[in-house]
Amino acid sequence: MIRYLAKLTKNLADVMSVTLGCILQLVINKQKPFVRFGMMHLMATNICVLIVTAVMETNEDYRQQNYIANNMTTAGDIKIH
């Protein structure tokens, strides 16, 4: 099993060639179904992280604005209860 994973990793590393320039190119000659599956999961994970981060930041901003609105006077001083 370890030999198979090592061979698969070596094959994937040997097969992929990345060229950076104006456009990112990824050339895959072997193991296309595995690479496609991995790329789909990579993109799905990035989209999920983007959505979670956007929701968390929006929630934080909302809470901060709500706190300021409830605990500050018009002069900028903290209300004393």
Protein backbone atom coordinates (compact mmCIF):
# COMPACT_ATOMS: atom_id res chain seq x y z
CA MET A 1 0.00 0.00 0.00
CA ILE A 2 2.80 2.43 0.88
CA ARG A 3 4.63 1.56 -2.35
CA TYR A 4 1.47 2.20 -4.34
CA LEU A 5 0.94 5.62 -2.68
CA ALA A 6 4.58 6.54 -3.20
CA LYS A 7 4.39 5.50 -6.85
CA LEU A 8 1.13 7.40 -7.34
CA THR A 9 2.57 10.52 -5.72
CA LYS A 10 5.72 10.27 -7.85
CA ASN A 11 3.66 9.77 -11.01
CA LEU A 12 1.47 12.76 -10.22
CA ALA A 13 4.50 14.91 -9.49
CA ASP A 14 6.20 13.79 -12.71
CA VAL A 15 3.11 14.31 -14.81
CA MET A 16 2.07 17.77 -13.71
CA SER A 17 3.84 20.69 -15.26
CA VAL A 18 2.88 24.18 -14.17
CA THR A 19 3.72 27.19 -16.30
CA LEU A 20 3.22 30.61 -14.72
CA GLY A 21 2.73 33.61 -16.95
CA CYS A 22 -0.34 35.53 -17.95
CA ILE A 23 -2.33 32.31 -17.77
CA LEU A 24 -1.82 29.39 -15.41
CA GLN A 25 -1.51 26.12 -17.32
CA LEU A 26 -1.67 22.68 -15.78
CA VAL A 27 -0.73 19.74 -18.00
CA ILE A 28 -1.87 16.31 -16.83
CA ASN A 29 -0.85 13.26 -18.82
CA LYS A 30 -1.63 10.41 -16.42
CA GLN A 31 -4.17 9.62 -13.70
CA LYS A 32 -6.65 12.17 -15.10
CA PRO A 33 -9.70 10.95 -13.12
CA PHE A 34 -7.83 11.19 -9.81
CA VAL A 35 -6.45 14.61 -10.64
CA ARG A 36 -9.86 15.90 -11.74
CA PHE A 37 -11.43 14.53 -8.57
CA GLY A 38 -8.74 16.23 -6.48
CA MET A 39 -9.08 19.53 -8.34
CA MET A 40 -12.88 19.51 -7.88
CA HIS A 41 -12.44 18.97 -4.15
CA LEU A 42 -9.77 21.68 -3.98
CA MET A 43 -12.08 24.20 -5.66
CA ALA A 44 -15.06 23.16 -3.51
CA THR A 45 -12.99 23.57 -0.34
CA ASN A 46 -11.83 27.03 -1.41
CA ILE A 47 -15.41 28.11 -2.14
CA CYS A 48 -16.56 26.82 1.25
CA VAL A 49 -13.75 28.67 3.04
CA LEU A 50 -14.64 31.84 1.12
CA ILE A 51 -18.31 31.61 2.12
CA VAL A 52 -17.56 30.82 5.78
CA THR A 53 -15.09 33.72 5.99
CA ALA A 54 -17.57 36.14 4.41
CA VAL A 55 -20.32 35.08 6.84
CA MET A 56 -18.01 35.34 9.87
CA GLU A 57 -16.74 38.80 8.86
CA THR A 58 -20.28 40.05 8.22
CA ASN A 59 -21.41 38.72 11.59
CA GLU A 60 -18.46 40.39 13.33
CA ASP A 61 -19.19 43.74 11.64
CA TYR A 62 -22.88 43.49 12.53
CA ARG A 63 -22.10 42.74 16.17
CA GLN A 64 -19.58 45.58 16.35
CA GLN A 65 -22.03 48.10 14.86
CA ASN A 66 -24.78 46.86 17.20
CA TYR A 67 -22.46 47.19 20.22
CA ILE A 68 -21.44 50.72 19.24
CA ALA A 69 -25.07 51.74 18.65
CA ASN A 70 -26.18 50.40 22.03
CA ASN A 71 -23.22 51.47 24.19
CA MET A 72 -22.11 54.84 22.84
CA THR A 73 -23.69 58.29 23.13
CA THR A 74 -23.73 60.81 20.30
CA ALA A 75 -20.61 62.47 21.74
CA GLY A 76 -18.68 59.21 21.50
CA ASP A 77 -18.58 58.53 25.23
CA ILE A 78 -19.48 55.17 26.76
CA LYS A 79 -22.91 55.09 28.40
CA ILE A 80 -22.87 54.51 32.14
CA HIS A 81 -25.73 52.31 33.36
